[in-house]
Amino acid sequence: MLGYGTPYPAPPSPPKKSRTWLWILIGVGMVLVAALAGVLVVVATKGKVTDADDVAIGDCLRVTESASSVKANEVDCGTEEFHFAVVSKTQDRTACGDYSQLWFTGLSGDRSGEVLCLAPIMREGSCYQFPTVETDTALADFNDAACGSNPTVTGARVLRVESKVSSQPSCPRGQVPLFMARPTPAGYCLAEVTDEWQS
């Protein structure tokens, strides 16, 4: 009699392979991807200064205006663009003396946060716009300017750095001396290159 059956015993089922190694690899891969994403975020936001702790004394930054407020970004101190160097940090805005101030607001929006005292860093032969009216965005108005150009903001002046020395400057008549003792001594002789106040 013919029948349909198995001519020989079915082979035993292969033992289940452990996939623990696969889950370990997937886990390691996910950790690496997360770490890489974290590194990319850090690199992308490294230059942004949102708190006095983001920079150290001697570091350099540029200040720009954004939506009627200023934002600061850390830059290489060797840049040829106009920038500031951090001279000191204080809780007292009056402690900056002749240096520019960048303060950080508290959570309530007041100006109780730490203050950075800043020195402008300029190059001999270049021209800069100097704001003369104190506003919340005046630091952003202090910037590179084309020699002979008119100021872009009310009350500003465009001045050329006629000379730069590493000590108190001795300027000829008609030039304005400016000395910054810190972070490294810099003496400037500045000359007017615009005839009229911007109004």
N, C-alpha and C. Protein backbone atom coordinates (compact mmCIF):
# COMPACT_ATOMS: atom_id res chain seq x y z
N MET A 1 0.85 -1.16 0.00
CA MET A 1 0.00 0.00 0.00
C MET A 1 0.89 1.21 0.00
N LEU A 2 0.50 2.11 -0.83
CA LEU A 2 1.26 3.35 -0.92
C LEU A 2 0.62 4.36 0.00
N GLY A 3 1.39 5.09 0.54
CA GLY A 3 0.87 6.15 1.38
C GLY A 3 1.80 7.36 1.33
N TYR A 4 1.32 8.36 1.88
CA TYR A 4 2.12 9.59 1.92
C TYR A 4 2.63 9.78 3.34
N GLY A 5 3.86 9.59 3.50
CA GLY A 5 4.45 9.74 4.81
C GLY A 5 5.89 10.21 4.65
N THR A 6 6.53 10.28 5.70
CA THR A 6 7.91 10.72 5.66
C THR A 6 8.77 9.50 5.52
N PRO A 7 9.58 9.46 4.46
CA PRO A 7 10.37 8.27 4.25
C PRO A 7 11.43 8.05 5.31
N TYR A 8 11.81 9.17 6.02
CA TYR A 8 12.79 9.04 7.10
C TYR A 8 12.44 10.07 8.17
N PRO A 9 12.91 9.89 9.32
CA PRO A 9 12.54 10.82 10.39
C PRO A 9 12.97 12.25 10.07
N ALA A 10 12.14 13.19 10.41
CA ALA A 10 12.46 14.61 10.14
C ALA A 10 13.68 15.00 10.95
N PRO A 11 14.58 15.79 10.33
CA PRO A 11 15.76 16.22 11.08
C PRO A 11 15.35 17.12 12.24
N PRO A 12 16.11 17.09 13.30
CA PRO A 12 15.73 17.94 14.45
C PRO A 12 15.87 19.41 14.08
N SER A 13 15.04 20.22 14.66
CA SER A 13 15.10 21.67 14.39
C SER A 13 16.45 22.19 14.84
N PRO A 14 17.06 23.10 14.02
CA PRO A 14 18.36 23.63 14.43
C PRO A 14 18.20 24.44 15.71
N PRO A 15 19.20 24.41 16.56
CA PRO A 15 19.07 25.15 17.81
C PRO A 15 18.95 26.64 17.51
N LYS A 16 18.15 27.34 18.31
CA LYS A 16 17.97 28.77 18.12
C LYS A 16 19.29 29.47 18.36
N LYS A 17 19.67 30.30 17.40
CA LYS A 17 20.92 31.04 17.54
C LYS A 17 20.69 32.23 18.47
N SER A 18 21.65 32.46 19.30
CA SER A 18 21.56 33.60 20.20
C SER A 18 21.80 34.89 19.41
N ARG A 19 20.94 35.85 19.55
CA ARG A 19 21.10 37.11 18.83
C ARG A 19 21.55 38.23 19.78
N THR A 20 22.08 37.85 20.88
CA THR A 20 22.54 38.84 21.85
C THR A 20 23.58 39.76 21.22
N TRP A 21 24.50 39.17 20.44
CA TRP A 21 25.56 39.97 19.82
C TRP A 21 24.98 41.01 18.87
N LEU A 22 23.86 40.64 18.19
CA LEU A 22 23.23 41.57 17.26
C LEU A 22 22.66 42.77 18.02
N TRP A 23 22.01 42.51 19.14
CA TRP A 23 21.44 43.61 19.93
C TRP A 23 22.54 44.49 20.52
N ILE A 24 23.65 43.85 20.88
CA ILE A 24 24.78 44.64 21.40
C ILE A 24 25.32 45.56 20.31
N LEU A 25 25.46 45.02 19.10
CA LEU A 25 25.95 45.84 17.98
C LEU A 25 25.00 46.99 17.68
N ILE A 26 23.70 46.70 17.67
CA ILE A 26 22.72 47.75 17.40
C ILE A 26 22.79 48.82 18.49
N GLY A 27 22.92 48.38 19.76
CA GLY A 27 23.02 49.33 20.86
C GLY A 27 24.25 50.20 20.74
N VAL A 28 25.39 49.58 20.43
CA VAL A 28 26.63 50.34 20.26
C VAL A 28 26.49 51.33 19.11
N GLY A 29 25.88 50.85 18.02
CA GLY A 29 25.68 51.74 16.87
C GLY A 29 24.83 52.95 17.22
N MET A 30 23.76 52.71 17.99
CA MET A 30 22.89 53.83 18.38
C MET A 30 23.63 54.81 19.29
N VAL A 31 24.45 54.28 20.19
CA VAL A 31 25.24 55.15 21.07
C VAL A 31 26.21 56.00 20.25
N LEU A 32 26.86 55.38 19.26
CA LEU A 32 27.79 56.12 18.41
C LEU A 32 27.09 57.21 17.62
N VAL A 33 25.92 56.89 17.07
CA VAL A 33 25.15 57.89 16.32
C VAL A 33 24.76 59.04 17.24
N ALA A 34 24.28 58.71 18.45
CA ALA A 34 23.89 59.77 19.40
C ALA A 34 25.09 60.61 19.78
N ALA A 35 26.24 59.96 19.99
CA ALA A 35 27.45 60.71 20.35
C ALA A 35 27.87 61.63 19.22
N LEU A 36 27.81 61.11 17.98
CA LEU A 36 28.19 61.92 16.83
C LEU A 36 27.25 63.12 16.70
N ALA A 37 25.95 62.88 16.90
CA ALA A 37 24.99 63.98 16.84
C ALA A 37 25.31 65.01 17.91
N GLY A 38 25.69 64.54 19.11
CA GLY A 38 26.05 65.46 20.18
C GLY A 38 27.27 66.27 19.82
N VAL A 39 28.27 65.65 19.21
CA VAL A 39 29.47 66.36 18.80
C VAL A 39 29.12 67.42 17.76
N LEU A 40 28.27 67.07 16.81
CA LEU A 40 27.88 68.03 15.77
C LEU A 40 27.17 69.23 16.38
N VAL A 41 26.31 68.98 17.36
CA VAL A 41 25.61 70.09 18.00
C VAL A 41 26.60 70.99 18.72
N VAL A 42 27.55 70.38 19.44
CA VAL A 42 28.53 71.18 20.17
C VAL A 42 29.36 72.02 19.20
N VAL A 43 29.81 71.39 18.11
CA VAL A 43 30.62 72.12 17.14
C VAL A 43 29.83 73.25 16.51
N ALA A 44 28.57 72.99 16.19
CA ALA A 44 27.76 73.99 15.51
C ALA A 44 27.45 75.18 16.41
N THR A 45 27.38 74.97 17.72
CA THR A 45 26.98 76.06 18.61
C THR A 45 28.13 76.60 19.45
N LYS A 46 29.36 76.12 19.21
CA LYS A 46 30.49 76.51 20.04
C LYS A 46 30.68 78.02 20.09
N GLY A 47 30.47 78.72 18.96
CA GLY A 47 30.74 80.13 18.91
C GLY A 47 29.72 81.02 19.59
N LYS A 48 28.54 80.49 19.88
CA LYS A 48 27.48 81.32 20.45
C LYS A 48 27.74 81.61 21.92
N VAL A 49 27.66 82.87 22.30
CA VAL A 49 27.89 83.28 23.69
C VAL A 49 26.56 83.72 24.28
N THR A 50 26.04 82.92 25.20
CA THR A 50 24.75 83.26 25.82
C THR A 50 24.89 83.54 27.31
N ASP A 51 26.11 83.37 27.83
CA ASP A 51 26.34 83.56 29.25
C ASP A 51 27.81 83.92 29.43
N ALA A 52 28.11 84.63 30.50
CA ALA A 52 29.50 85.03 30.74
C ALA A 52 30.41 83.82 30.89
N ASP A 53 29.87 82.67 31.29
CA ASP A 53 30.69 81.47 31.45
C ASP A 53 31.10 80.86 30.11
N ASP A 54 30.50 81.32 29.01
CA ASP A 54 30.83 80.76 27.70
C ASP A 54 32.19 81.23 27.19
N VAL A 55 32.73 82.27 27.80
CA VAL A 55 34.03 82.79 27.37
C VAL A 55 34.93 83.02 28.58
N ALA A 56 36.23 83.05 28.31
CA ALA A 56 37.20 83.31 29.37
C ALA A 56 37.84 84.66 29.12
N ILE A 57 38.47 85.21 30.12
CA ILE A 57 39.20 86.47 29.96
C ILE A 57 40.30 86.25 28.92
N GLY A 58 40.38 87.14 27.96
CA GLY A 58 41.32 86.99 26.86
C GLY A 58 40.70 86.44 25.60
N ASP A 59 39.51 85.82 25.70
CA ASP A 59 38.81 85.33 24.51
C ASP A 59 38.28 86.51 23.71
N CYS A 60 37.95 86.26 22.46
CA CYS A 60 37.47 87.33 21.57
C CYS A 60 36.08 87.02 21.06
N LEU A 61 35.32 88.07 20.81
CA LEU A 61 33.96 87.89 20.29
C LEU A 61 33.54 89.05 19.40
N ARG A 62 32.57 88.75 18.56
CA ARG A 62 31.93 89.78 17.73
C ARG A 62 30.50 89.95 18.23
N VAL A 63 30.02 91.18 18.17
CA VAL A 63 28.67 91.47 18.63
C VAL A 63 27.87 92.00 17.45
N THR A 64 26.71 91.41 17.20
CA THR A 64 25.84 91.85 16.11
C THR A 64 24.44 92.09 16.66
N GLU A 65 23.64 92.79 15.87
CA GLU A 65 22.26 93.08 16.29
C GLU A 65 21.33 92.05 15.69
N SER A 66 20.36 91.63 16.48
CA SER A 66 19.34 90.70 16.03
C SER A 66 18.04 91.02 16.73
N ALA A 67 17.04 91.44 15.97
CA ALA A 67 15.71 91.75 16.51
C ALA A 67 15.78 92.72 17.69
N SER A 68 16.46 93.84 17.47
CA SER A 68 16.56 94.92 18.46
C SER A 68 17.29 94.51 19.74
N SER A 69 18.08 93.48 19.68
CA SER A 69 18.93 93.11 20.80
C SER A 69 20.27 92.67 20.22
N VAL A 70 21.25 92.46 21.08
CA VAL A 70 22.55 92.05 20.57
C VAL A 70 22.78 90.57 20.80
N LYS A 71 23.59 89.98 19.93
CA LYS A 71 24.02 88.60 20.14
C LYS A 71 25.52 88.56 19.95
N ALA A 72 26.18 87.71 20.72
CA ALA A 72 27.63 87.62 20.68
C ALA A 72 28.05 86.24 20.23
N ASN A 73 29.13 86.21 19.46
CA ASN A 73 29.70 84.95 19.01
C ASN A 73 31.20 84.97 19.23
N GLU A 74 31.73 83.89 19.76
CA GLU A 74 33.16 83.81 19.97
C GLU A 74 33.85 83.68 18.62
N VAL A 75 34.97 84.39 18.45
CA VAL A 75 35.73 84.35 17.20
C VAL A 75 37.20 84.14 17.52
N ASP A 76 37.96 83.77 16.51
CA ASP A 76 39.40 83.64 16.65
C ASP A 76 39.99 85.03 16.87
N CYS A 77 40.85 85.16 17.86
CA CYS A 77 41.43 86.48 18.16
C CYS A 77 42.32 86.99 17.03
N GLY A 78 42.70 86.13 16.10
CA GLY A 78 43.53 86.55 14.98
C GLY A 78 42.74 87.08 13.80
N THR A 79 41.41 87.12 13.91
CA THR A 79 40.61 87.60 12.78
C THR A 79 40.92 89.05 12.44
N GLU A 80 40.84 89.38 11.16
CA GLU A 80 41.10 90.77 10.74
C GLU A 80 39.86 91.64 10.87
N GLU A 81 38.70 91.02 11.08
CA GLU A 81 37.47 91.79 11.27
C GLU A 81 37.48 92.42 12.66
N PHE A 82 36.74 93.51 12.78
CA PHE A 82 36.62 94.16 14.09
C PHE A 82 36.04 93.17 15.09
N HIS A 83 36.59 93.17 16.30
CA HIS A 83 36.07 92.32 17.36
C HIS A 83 36.46 92.91 18.71
N PHE A 84 35.92 92.32 19.75
CA PHE A 84 36.24 92.71 21.12
C PHE A 84 37.02 91.59 21.79
N ALA A 85 37.85 91.96 22.76
CA ALA A 85 38.51 90.98 23.62
C ALA A 85 37.93 91.12 25.02
N VAL A 86 37.72 90.01 25.69
CA VAL A 86 37.18 90.02 27.05
C VAL A 86 38.29 90.42 28.02
N VAL A 87 38.09 91.53 28.71
CA VAL A 87 39.07 92.07 29.64
C VAL A 87 38.84 91.55 31.05
N SER A 88 37.58 91.52 31.46
CA SER A 88 37.25 91.05 32.81
C SER A 88 35.77 90.70 32.87
N LYS A 89 35.39 90.07 33.99
CA LYS A 89 33.99 89.74 34.27
C LYS A 89 33.65 90.34 35.63
N THR A 90 32.44 90.85 35.74
CA THR A 90 32.05 91.49 36.99
C THR A 90 30.53 91.41 37.15
N GLN A 91 30.05 91.64 38.34
CA GLN A 91 28.61 91.76 38.58
C GLN A 91 28.19 93.23 38.59
N ASP A 92 29.16 94.11 38.57
CA ASP A 92 28.92 95.55 38.69
C ASP A 92 29.21 96.24 37.36
N ARG A 93 28.17 96.76 36.71
CA ARG A 93 28.34 97.40 35.40
C ARG A 93 29.26 98.61 35.46
N THR A 94 29.34 99.27 36.62
CA THR A 94 30.20 100.46 36.71
C THR A 94 31.68 100.07 36.83
N ALA A 95 31.96 98.79 37.09
CA ALA A 95 33.35 98.35 37.29
C ALA A 95 34.13 98.25 35.98
N CYS A 96 33.45 98.33 34.84
CA CYS A 96 34.16 98.23 33.55
C CYS A 96 34.95 99.49 33.23
N GLY A 97 34.61 100.60 33.87
CA GLY A 97 35.33 101.85 33.62
C GLY A 97 35.22 102.28 32.17
N ASP A 98 36.37 102.44 31.49
CA ASP A 98 36.37 102.91 30.11
C ASP A 98 36.11 101.80 29.10
N TYR A 99 35.97 100.59 29.57
CA TYR A 99 35.76 99.47 28.65
C TYR A 99 34.28 99.32 28.31
N SER A 100 34.04 98.76 27.14
CA SER A 100 32.65 98.49 26.74
C SER A 100 32.07 97.40 27.62
N GLN A 101 30.73 97.35 27.68
CA GLN A 101 30.05 96.38 28.53
C GLN A 101 29.09 95.53 27.72
N LEU A 102 29.10 94.25 28.02
CA LEU A 102 28.09 93.34 27.48
C LEU A 102 27.52 92.62 28.69
N TRP A 103 26.23 92.85 28.96
CA TRP A 103 25.65 92.21 30.14
C TRP A 103 24.62 91.20 29.71
N PHE A 104 24.36 90.27 30.61
CA PHE A 104 23.40 89.21 30.37
C PHE A 104 22.24 89.39 31.33
N THR A 105 21.04 89.32 30.81
CA THR A 105 19.86 89.56 31.64
C THR A 105 19.53 88.33 32.47
N GLY A 106 18.91 88.58 33.61
CA GLY A 106 18.45 87.49 34.46
C GLY A 106 17.18 86.89 33.88
N LEU A 107 16.67 85.87 34.54
CA LEU A 107 15.46 85.20 34.05
C LEU A 107 14.28 86.15 33.99
N SER A 108 14.25 87.15 34.86
CA SER A 108 13.13 88.09 34.88
C SER A 108 13.30 89.20 33.85
N GLY A 109 14.42 89.18 33.10
CA GLY A 109 14.64 90.20 32.08
C GLY A 109 15.41 91.40 32.60
N ASP A 110 15.78 91.39 33.90
CA ASP A 110 16.53 92.53 34.42
C ASP A 110 18.01 92.38 34.05
N ARG A 111 18.78 93.40 34.37
CA ARG A 111 20.20 93.38 34.01
C ARG A 111 21.06 92.98 35.21
N SER A 112 20.63 91.94 35.87
CA SER A 112 21.33 91.53 37.09
C SER A 112 22.38 90.46 36.83
N GLY A 113 22.50 90.01 35.58
CA GLY A 113 23.45 88.97 35.26
C GLY A 113 24.88 89.49 35.24
N GLU A 114 25.81 88.58 34.98
CA GLU A 114 27.22 88.94 34.96
C GLU A 114 27.52 89.82 33.74
N VAL A 115 28.50 90.70 33.90
CA VAL A 115 28.87 91.65 32.85
C VAL A 115 30.25 91.29 32.31
N LEU A 116 30.40 91.35 30.99
CA LEU A 116 31.71 91.21 30.38
C LEU A 116 32.23 92.60 30.06
N CYS A 117 33.44 92.92 30.47
CA CYS A 117 34.08 94.18 30.10
C CYS A 117 34.94 93.89 28.87
N LEU A 118 34.77 94.68 27.84
CA LEU A 118 35.36 94.38 26.54
C LEU A 118 36.23 95.52 26.03
N ALA A 119 37.32 95.16 25.36
CA ALA A 119 38.19 96.14 24.70
C ALA A 119 38.08 95.95 23.19
N PRO A 120 37.92 97.05 22.44
CA PRO A 120 37.87 96.91 20.98
C PRO A 120 39.26 96.57 20.44
N ILE A 121 39.31 95.70 19.46
CA ILE A 121 40.57 95.32 18.82
C ILE A 121 40.51 95.83 17.38
N MET A 122 41.42 96.76 17.05
CA MET A 122 41.41 97.40 15.73
C MET A 122 42.79 97.30 15.07
N ARG A 123 42.81 97.50 13.76
CA ARG A 123 44.06 97.42 12.99
C ARG A 123 44.46 98.80 12.47
N GLU A 124 45.72 99.05 12.44
CA GLU A 124 46.24 100.31 11.90
C GLU A 124 45.88 100.42 10.42
N GLY A 125 45.40 101.62 10.04
CA GLY A 125 45.04 101.87 8.65
C GLY A 125 43.59 101.55 8.30
N SER A 126 42.88 100.90 9.21
CA SER A 126 41.47 100.55 8.97
C SER A 126 40.54 101.58 9.60
N CYS A 127 39.31 101.60 9.12
CA CYS A 127 38.30 102.54 9.63
C CYS A 127 37.20 101.78 10.36
N TYR A 128 36.65 102.47 11.36
CA TYR A 128 35.63 101.85 12.20
C TYR A 128 34.54 102.86 12.54
N GLN A 129 33.34 102.33 12.68
CA GLN A 129 32.22 103.17 13.11
C GLN A 129 32.15 103.12 14.63
N PHE A 130 32.20 104.30 15.25
CA PHE A 130 32.15 104.43 16.71
C PHE A 130 30.79 105.00 17.11
N PRO A 131 29.95 104.24 17.81
CA PRO A 131 28.69 104.81 18.30
C PRO A 131 28.99 105.77 19.45
N THR A 132 28.26 106.86 19.52
CA THR A 132 28.46 107.82 20.60
C THR A 132 27.22 107.96 21.48
N VAL A 133 26.16 107.26 21.12
CA VAL A 133 24.92 107.29 21.90
C VAL A 133 24.75 105.93 22.54
N GLU A 134 24.56 105.89 23.87
CA GLU A 134 24.39 104.61 24.55
C GLU A 134 22.99 104.08 24.34
N THR A 135 22.90 102.94 23.69
CA THR A 135 21.63 102.24 23.48
C THR A 135 21.88 100.76 23.80
N ASP A 136 20.80 99.99 23.83
CA ASP A 136 20.94 98.56 24.11
C ASP A 136 21.68 97.81 23.00
N THR A 137 21.76 98.41 21.81
CA THR A 137 22.42 97.74 20.69
C THR A 137 23.69 98.47 20.23
N ALA A 138 24.18 99.42 21.04
CA ALA A 138 25.34 100.22 20.63
C ALA A 138 26.57 99.36 20.34
N LEU A 139 26.77 98.28 21.09
CA LEU A 139 27.93 97.43 20.84
C LEU A 139 27.92 96.87 19.43
N ALA A 140 26.75 96.57 18.91
CA ALA A 140 26.64 96.03 17.55
C ALA A 140 26.92 97.11 16.51
N ASP A 141 26.76 98.39 16.89
CA ASP A 141 27.01 99.50 15.96
C ASP A 141 28.50 99.82 15.85
N PHE A 142 29.29 99.34 16.80
CA PHE A 142 30.75 99.53 16.79
C PHE A 142 31.30 98.46 15.86
N ASN A 143 31.76 98.87 14.67
CA ASN A 143 32.06 97.86 13.66
C ASN A 143 33.01 98.38 12.60
N ASP A 144 33.43 97.49 11.71
CA ASP A 144 34.22 97.89 10.55
C ASP A 144 33.42 98.88 9.71
N ALA A 145 34.13 99.81 9.05
CA ALA A 145 33.47 100.77 8.16
C ALA A 145 34.42 101.08 7.00
N ALA A 146 33.85 101.41 5.87
CA ALA A 146 34.67 101.84 4.74
C ALA A 146 35.17 103.26 5.04
N CYS A 147 36.46 103.49 4.84
CA CYS A 147 37.01 104.82 5.09
C CYS A 147 36.33 105.84 4.17
N GLY A 148 35.88 106.94 4.75
CA GLY A 148 35.20 107.97 3.98
C GLY A 148 33.70 107.76 3.88
N SER A 149 33.20 106.64 4.42
CA SER A 149 31.75 106.38 4.37
C SER A 149 31.04 107.14 5.47
N ASN A 150 29.74 107.29 5.31
CA ASN A 150 28.92 107.92 6.34
C ASN A 150 28.52 106.87 7.37
N PRO A 151 28.35 107.26 8.63
CA PRO A 151 27.88 106.32 9.65
C PRO A 151 26.51 105.77 9.28
N THR A 152 26.22 104.58 9.75
CA THR A 152 24.92 103.96 9.44
C THR A 152 23.90 104.16 10.55
N VAL A 153 24.33 104.73 11.68
CA VAL A 153 23.41 104.96 12.79
C VAL A 153 23.55 106.39 13.29
N THR A 154 22.49 106.89 13.89
CA THR A 154 22.48 108.25 14.41
C THR A 154 23.53 108.42 15.51
N GLY A 155 24.25 109.52 15.42
CA GLY A 155 25.21 109.86 16.45
C GLY A 155 26.54 109.13 16.37
N ALA A 156 26.78 108.36 15.32
CA ALA A 156 28.04 107.62 15.21
C ALA A 156 29.06 108.43 14.41
N ARG A 157 30.33 108.05 14.52
CA ARG A 157 31.42 108.66 13.77
C ARG A 157 32.23 107.55 13.11
N VAL A 158 32.76 107.82 11.94
CA VAL A 158 33.68 106.89 11.30
C VAL A 158 35.09 107.45 11.49
N LEU A 159 35.94 106.67 12.15
CA LEU A 159 37.31 107.08 12.46
C LEU A 159 38.30 106.08 11.88
N ARG A 160 39.46 106.60 11.48
CA ARG A 160 40.52 105.75 10.96
C ARG A 160 41.60 105.60 12.03
N VAL A 161 42.15 104.39 12.15
CA VAL A 161 43.28 104.16 13.05
C VAL A 161 44.54 104.58 12.30
N GLU A 162 45.07 105.75 12.65
CA GLU A 162 46.27 106.26 11.98
C GLU A 162 47.53 105.55 12.46
N SER A 163 47.54 105.17 13.74
CA SER A 163 48.68 104.43 14.26
C SER A 163 48.23 103.60 15.45
N LYS A 164 48.99 102.52 15.70
CA LYS A 164 48.69 101.63 16.82
C LYS A 164 50.02 101.23 17.45
N VAL A 165 50.12 101.42 18.76
CA VAL A 165 51.34 101.07 19.50
C VAL A 165 50.96 100.25 20.72
N SER A 166 51.96 99.66 21.37
CA SER A 166 51.67 98.83 22.54
C SER A 166 51.91 99.59 23.84
N SER A 167 51.63 100.89 23.81
CA SER A 167 51.80 101.73 25.00
C SER A 167 50.85 102.92 24.88
N GLN A 168 50.93 103.84 25.83
CA GLN A 168 50.13 105.06 25.73
C GLN A 168 50.49 105.76 24.41
N PRO A 169 49.50 106.13 23.60
CA PRO A 169 49.82 106.77 22.32
C PRO A 169 50.16 108.25 22.48
N SER A 170 51.03 108.73 21.63
CA SER A 170 51.34 110.15 21.56
C SER A 170 50.90 110.60 20.18
N CYS A 171 49.72 111.21 20.11
CA CYS A 171 49.10 111.48 18.81
C CYS A 171 49.34 112.92 18.36
N PRO A 172 49.50 113.12 17.06
CA PRO A 172 49.62 114.48 16.54
C PRO A 172 48.34 115.27 16.78
N ARG A 173 48.44 116.57 16.69
CA ARG A 173 47.28 117.44 16.84
C ARG A 173 46.22 117.05 15.81
N GLY A 174 44.97 117.03 16.26
CA GLY A 174 43.87 116.68 15.37
C GLY A 174 43.50 115.21 15.40
N GLN A 175 44.30 114.41 16.10
CA GLN A 175 43.97 112.99 16.25
C GLN A 175 43.57 112.70 17.69
N VAL A 176 42.72 111.71 17.85
CA VAL A 176 42.18 111.37 19.17
C VAL A 176 42.93 110.16 19.73
N PRO A 177 43.52 110.28 20.93
CA PRO A 177 44.18 109.11 21.52
C PRO A 177 43.18 108.19 22.21
N LEU A 178 43.44 106.90 22.11
CA LEU A 178 42.64 105.89 22.80
C LEU A 178 43.60 104.83 23.31
N PHE A 179 43.58 104.58 24.63
CA PHE A 179 44.49 103.58 25.19
C PHE A 179 43.71 102.52 25.93
N MET A 180 43.98 101.27 25.64
CA MET A 180 43.39 100.13 26.31
C MET A 180 44.53 99.32 26.94
N ALA A 181 44.60 99.32 28.26
CA ALA A 181 45.70 98.63 28.95
C ALA A 181 45.55 97.12 28.93
N ARG A 182 44.33 96.65 28.83
CA ARG A 182 44.06 95.22 28.86
C ARG A 182 43.22 94.82 27.65
N PRO A 183 43.26 93.57 27.18
CA PRO A 183 44.02 92.45 27.72
C PRO A 183 45.52 92.53 27.42
N THR A 184 45.90 93.17 26.33
CA THR A 184 47.30 93.52 26.08
C THR A 184 47.31 95.00 25.75
N PRO A 185 48.29 95.76 26.22
CA PRO A 185 48.27 97.21 25.99
C PRO A 185 48.19 97.57 24.50
N ALA A 186 47.28 98.48 24.18
CA ALA A 186 47.12 98.95 22.81
C ALA A 186 46.77 100.42 22.83
N GLY A 187 47.59 101.22 22.16
CA GLY A 187 47.33 102.65 22.06
C GLY A 187 47.02 103.01 20.61
N TYR A 188 45.94 103.73 20.41
CA TYR A 188 45.49 104.09 19.07
C TYR A 188 45.48 105.61 18.90
N CYS A 189 45.83 106.08 17.70
CA CYS A 189 45.59 107.47 17.31
C CYS A 189 44.53 107.42 16.22
N LEU A 190 43.41 108.09 16.48
CA LEU A 190 42.24 108.03 15.60
C LEU A 190 42.02 109.36 14.91
N ALA A 191 41.63 109.30 13.64
CA ALA A 191 41.37 110.52 12.88
C ALA A 191 39.98 110.46 12.27
N GLU A 192 39.32 111.60 12.27
CA GLU A 192 37.99 111.74 11.69
C GLU A 192 38.07 111.60 10.18
N VAL A 193 37.20 110.81 9.60
CA VAL A 193 37.18 110.68 8.14
C VAL A 193 35.81 110.99 7.54
N THR A 194 34.89 111.45 8.39
CA THR A 194 33.59 111.93 7.88
C THR A 194 33.42 113.36 8.36
N ASP A 195 32.76 114.15 7.55
CA ASP A 195 32.60 115.58 7.86
C ASP A 195 31.42 115.89 8.74
N GLU A 196 30.39 115.08 8.65
CA GLU A 196 29.15 115.40 9.35
C GLU A 196 28.72 114.26 10.26
N TRP A 197 28.05 114.63 11.35
CA TRP A 197 27.40 113.63 12.19
C TRP A 197 26.25 113.04 11.40
N GLN A 198 26.05 111.73 11.55
CA GLN A 198 24.88 111.10 10.91
C GLN A 198 23.66 111.50 11.73
N SER A 199 22.66 112.04 11.06
CA SER A 199 21.46 112.46 11.80
C SER A 199 20.21 111.90 11.15
